[in-house]
Amino acid sequence: MSEIKGSNLEPILGWLMENLEPVEPKDEDAPIRASLRYIENRSGHIDY
């Protein structure tokens, strides 16, 4: 995931969006949804 090092989150966010689980599973059963939310909530801090 070299995209994260350069703060280029677009490819990662795109992949997560394309593979997002349906709304039905609970968050603990939806790791892609949880990852997407994590990155979106911390995108300003991912610059290393």
PDB file of N, CA and C in Angstrom:
ATOM      1  N   MET A   1       0.822  -1.188   0.000  1.00  0.00           N
ATOM      2  CA  MET A   1       0.000   0.000   0.000  1.00  0.00           C
ATOM      3  C   MET A   1       0.861   1.245   0.000  1.00  0.00           C
ATOM      4  N   SER A   2       1.689   1.384  -0.991  1.00  0.00           N
ATOM      5  CA  SER A   2       2.552   2.557  -1.074  1.00  0.00           C
ATOM      6  C   SER A   2       1.755   3.833  -1.300  1.00  0.00           C
ATOM      7  N   GLU A   3       0.496   3.724  -1.714  1.00  0.00           N
ATOM      8  CA  GLU A   3      -0.330   4.900  -1.924  1.00  0.00           C
ATOM      9  C   GLU A   3      -0.501   5.692  -0.635  1.00  0.00           C
ATOM     10  N   ILE A   4      -0.564   5.004   0.490  1.00  0.00           N
ATOM     11  CA  ILE A   4      -0.763   5.680   1.762  1.00  0.00           C
ATOM     12  C   ILE A   4       0.447   6.546   2.091  1.00  0.00           C
ATOM     13  N   LYS A   5       1.659   6.055   1.819  1.00  0.00           N
ATOM     14  CA  LYS A   5       2.862   6.821   2.146  1.00  0.00           C
ATOM     15  C   LYS A   5       2.868   8.168   1.447  1.00  0.00           C
ATOM     16  N   GLY A   6       2.346   8.244   0.256  1.00  0.00           N
ATOM     17  CA  GLY A   6       2.320   9.498  -0.478  1.00  0.00           C
ATOM     18  C   GLY A   6       1.011  10.239  -0.318  1.00  0.00           C
ATOM     19  N   SER A   7       0.188   9.819   0.604  1.00  0.00           N
ATOM     20  CA  SER A   7      -1.127  10.422   0.850  1.00  0.00           C
ATOM     21  C   SER A   7      -2.037  10.339  -0.363  1.00  0.00           C
ATOM     22  N   ASN A   8      -1.786   9.388  -1.248  1.00  0.00           N
ATOM     23  CA  ASN A   8      -2.637   9.191  -2.418  1.00  0.00           C
ATOM     24  C   ASN A   8      -3.693   8.152  -2.062  1.00  0.00           C
ATOM     25  N   LEU A   9      -4.743   8.591  -1.410  1.00  0.00           N
ATOM     26  CA  LEU A   9      -5.768   7.679  -0.925  1.00  0.00           C
ATOM     27  C   LEU A   9      -6.819   7.326  -1.970  1.00  0.00           C
ATOM     28  N   GLU A  10      -6.858   8.035  -3.075  1.00  0.00           N
ATOM     29  CA  GLU A  10      -7.906   7.798  -4.075  1.00  0.00           C
ATOM     30  C   GLU A  10      -7.978   6.343  -4.546  1.00  0.00           C
ATOM     31  N   PRO A  11      -6.858   5.698  -4.905  1.00  0.00           N
ATOM     32  CA  PRO A  11      -6.967   4.286  -5.333  1.00  0.00           C
ATOM     33  C   PRO A  11      -7.500   3.379  -4.230  1.00  0.00           C
ATOM     34  N   ILE A  12      -7.082   3.641  -3.011  1.00  0.00           N
ATOM     35  CA  ILE A  12      -7.526   2.817  -1.889  1.00  0.00           C
ATOM     36  C   ILE A  12      -9.010   3.046  -1.625  1.00  0.00           C
ATOM     37  N   LEU A  13      -9.420   4.297  -1.565  1.00  0.00           N
ATOM     38  CA  LEU A  13     -10.830   4.603  -1.332  1.00  0.00           C
ATOM     39  C   LEU A  13     -11.696   4.052  -2.462  1.00  0.00           C
ATOM     40  N   GLY A  14     -11.213   4.132  -3.696  1.00  0.00           N
ATOM     41  CA  GLY A  14     -11.951   3.584  -4.832  1.00  0.00           C
ATOM     42  C   GLY A  14     -12.154   2.089  -4.702  1.00  0.00           C
ATOM     43  N   TRP A  15     -11.083   1.375  -4.331  1.00  0.00           N
ATOM     44  CA  TRP A  15     -11.191  -0.078  -4.168  1.00  0.00           C
ATOM     45  C   TRP A  15     -12.170  -0.416  -3.053  1.00  0.00           C
ATOM     46  N   LEU A  16     -12.064   0.297  -1.932  1.00  0.00           N
ATOM     47  CA  LEU A  16     -12.973   0.039  -0.815  1.00  0.00           C
ATOM     48  C   LEU A  16     -14.419   0.274  -1.226  1.00  0.00           C
ATOM     49  N   MET A  17     -14.678   1.354  -1.939  1.00  0.00           N
ATOM     50  CA  MET A  17     -16.044   1.666  -2.375  1.00  0.00           C
ATOM     51  C   MET A  17     -16.586   0.587  -3.325  1.00  0.00           C
ATOM     52  N   GLU A  18     -15.735   0.100  -4.220  1.00  0.00           N
ATOM     53  CA  GLU A  18     -16.150  -0.937  -5.172  1.00  0.00           C
ATOM     54  C   GLU A  18     -16.464  -2.261  -4.478  1.00  0.00           C
ATOM     55  N   ASN A  19     -15.851  -2.496  -3.337  1.00  0.00           N
ATOM     56  CA  ASN A  19     -15.993  -3.773  -2.635  1.00  0.00           C
ATOM     57  C   ASN A  19     -16.771  -3.658  -1.335  1.00  0.00           C
ATOM     58  N   LEU A  20     -17.469  -2.574  -1.155  1.00  0.00           N
ATOM     59  CA  LEU A  20     -18.224  -2.310   0.061  1.00  0.00           C
ATOM     60  C   LEU A  20     -19.310  -3.354   0.280  1.00  0.00           C
ATOM     61  N   GLU A  21     -19.432  -3.803   1.514  1.00  0.00           N
ATOM     62  CA  GLU A  21     -20.457  -4.786   1.844  1.00  0.00           C
ATOM     63  C   GLU A  21     -21.847  -4.133   1.791  1.00  0.00           C
ATOM     64  N   PRO A  22     -22.881  -4.955   1.654  1.00  0.00           N
ATOM     65  CA  PRO A  22     -24.244  -4.420   1.732  1.00  0.00           C
ATOM     66  C   PRO A  22     -24.484  -3.803   3.113  1.00  0.00           C
ATOM     67  N   VAL A  23     -25.531  -3.046   3.245  1.00  0.00           N
ATOM     68  CA  VAL A  23     -25.836  -2.351   4.489  1.00  0.00           C
ATOM     69  C   VAL A  23     -26.213  -3.329   5.604  1.00  0.00           C
ATOM     70  N   GLU A  24     -26.707  -4.472   5.264  1.00  0.00           N
ATOM     71  CA  GLU A  24     -27.229  -5.427   6.244  1.00  0.00           C
ATOM     72  C   GLU A  24     -26.247  -5.908   7.305  1.00  0.00           C
ATOM     73  N   PRO A  25     -25.042  -6.378   6.971  1.00  0.00           N
ATOM     74  CA  PRO A  25     -24.212  -6.902   8.065  1.00  0.00           C
ATOM     75  C   PRO A  25     -23.881  -5.810   9.078  1.00  0.00           C
ATOM     76  N   LYS A  26     -23.772  -6.215  10.331  1.00  0.00           N
ATOM     77  CA  LYS A  26     -23.347  -5.284  11.371  1.00  0.00           C
ATOM     78  C   LYS A  26     -21.913  -4.846  11.079  1.00  0.00           C
ATOM     79  N   ASP A  27     -21.508  -3.742  11.642  1.00  0.00           N
ATOM     80  CA  ASP A  27     -20.171  -3.213  11.391  1.00  0.00           C
ATOM     81  C   ASP A  27     -19.069  -4.217  11.713  1.00  0.00           C
ATOM     82  N   GLU A  28     -19.228  -4.977  12.787  1.00  0.00           N
ATOM     83  CA  GLU A  28     -18.185  -5.943  13.135  1.00  0.00           C
ATOM     84  C   GLU A  28     -18.069  -7.070  12.105  1.00  0.00           C
ATOM     85  N   ASP A  29     -19.088  -7.232  11.266  1.00  0.00           N
ATOM     86  CA  ASP A  29     -19.063  -8.236  10.200  1.00  0.00           C
ATOM     87  C   ASP A  29     -18.805  -7.607   8.831  1.00  0.00           C
ATOM     88  N   ALA A  30     -18.381  -6.358   8.826  1.00  0.00           N
ATOM     89  CA  ALA A  30     -18.154  -5.636   7.572  1.00  0.00           C
ATOM     90  C   ALA A  30     -16.792  -4.936   7.620  1.00  0.00           C
ATOM     91  N   PRO A  31     -15.702  -5.678   7.451  1.00  0.00           N
ATOM     92  CA  PRO A  31     -14.371  -5.081   7.590  1.00  0.00           C
ATOM     93  C   PRO A  31     -14.052  -4.015   6.546  1.00  0.00           C
ATOM     94  N   ILE A  32     -14.595  -4.144   5.351  1.00  0.00           N
ATOM     95  CA  ILE A  32     -14.331  -3.134   4.330  1.00  0.00           C
ATOM     96  C   ILE A  32     -15.012  -1.827   4.701  1.00  0.00           C
ATOM     97  N   ARG A  33     -16.237  -1.900   5.143  1.00  0.00           N
ATOM     98  CA  ARG A  33     -16.954  -0.702   5.587  1.00  0.00           C
ATOM     99  C   ARG A  33     -16.216  -0.036   6.744  1.00  0.00           C
ATOM    100  N   ALA A  34     -15.741  -0.843   7.685  1.00  0.00           N
ATOM    101  CA  ALA A  34     -15.006  -0.298   8.835  1.00  0.00           C
ATOM    102  C   ALA A  34     -13.699   0.354   8.388  1.00  0.00           C
ATOM    103  N   SER A  35     -13.002  -0.254   7.442  1.00  0.00           N
ATOM    104  CA  SER A  35     -11.753   0.313   6.929  1.00  0.00           C
ATOM    105  C   SER A  35     -11.996   1.626   6.211  1.00  0.00           C
ATOM    106  N   LEU A  36     -13.038   1.669   5.410  1.00  0.00           N
ATOM    107  CA  LEU A  36     -13.379   2.893   4.691  1.00  0.00           C
ATOM    108  C   LEU A  36     -13.676   4.020   5.675  1.00  0.00           C
ATOM    109  N   ARG A  37     -14.479   3.745   6.661  1.00  0.00           N
ATOM    110  CA  ARG A  37     -14.815   4.760   7.660  1.00  0.00           C
ATOM    111  C   ARG A  37     -13.558   5.217   8.409  1.00  0.00           C
ATOM    112  N   TYR A  38     -12.676   4.280   8.761  1.00  0.00           N
ATOM    113  CA  TYR A  38     -11.441   4.609   9.461  1.00  0.00           C
ATOM    114  C   TYR A  38     -10.595   5.571   8.634  1.00  0.00           C
ATOM    115  N   ILE A  39     -10.393   5.250   7.371  1.00  0.00           N
ATOM    116  CA  ILE A  39      -9.560   6.092   6.511  1.00  0.00           C
ATOM    117  C   ILE A  39     -10.222   7.446   6.277  1.00  0.00           C
ATOM    118  N   GLU A  40     -11.522   7.460   6.027  1.00  0.00           N
ATOM    119  CA  GLU A  40     -12.217   8.732   5.802  1.00  0.00           C
ATOM    120  C   GLU A  40     -12.137   9.627   7.042  1.00  0.00           C
ATOM    121  N   ASN A  41     -12.272   9.057   8.220  1.00  0.00           N
ATOM    122  CA  ASN A  41     -12.225   9.836   9.451  1.00  0.00           C
ATOM    123  C   ASN A  41     -10.824  10.330   9.798  1.00  0.00           C
ATOM    124  N   ARG A  42      -9.801   9.693   9.238  1.00  0.00           N
ATOM    125  CA  ARG A  42      -8.422  10.051   9.589  1.00  0.00           C
ATOM    126  C   ARG A  42      -7.598  10.492   8.388  1.00  0.00           C
ATOM    127  N   SER A  43      -8.229  10.797   7.282  1.00  0.00           N
ATOM    128  CA  SER A  43      -7.495  11.123   6.057  1.00  0.00           C
ATOM    129  C   SER A  43      -6.559  12.317   6.235  1.00  0.00           C
ATOM    130  N   GLY A  44      -6.896  13.256   7.099  1.00  0.00           N
ATOM    131  CA  GLY A  44      -6.032  14.387   7.346  1.00  0.00           C
ATOM    132  C   GLY A  44      -4.788  14.039   8.147  1.00  0.00           C
ATOM    133  N   HIS A  45      -4.789  12.877   8.758  1.00  0.00           N
ATOM    134  CA  HIS A  45      -3.660  12.447   9.590  1.00  0.00           C
ATOM    135  C   HIS A  45      -2.771  11.436   8.887  1.00  0.00           C
ATOM    136  N   ILE A  46      -3.188  10.981   7.730  1.00  0.00           N
ATOM    137  CA  ILE A  46      -2.413   9.966   7.005  1.00  0.00           C
ATOM    138  C   ILE A  46      -1.531  10.689   5.985  1.00  0.00           C
ATOM    139  N   ASP A  47      -0.383  11.116   6.442  1.00  0.00           N
ATOM    140  CA  ASP A  47       0.564  11.820   5.579  1.00  0.00           C
ATOM    141  C   ASP A  47       1.964  11.554   6.103  1.00  0.00           C
ATOM    142  N   TYR A  48       2.430  10.336   5.843  1.00  0.00           N
ATOM    143  CA  TYR A  48       3.758   9.973   6.337  1.00  0.00           C
ATOM    144  C   TYR A  48       4.510   9.213   5.286  1.00  0.00           C
TER     145      TYR A  48
END
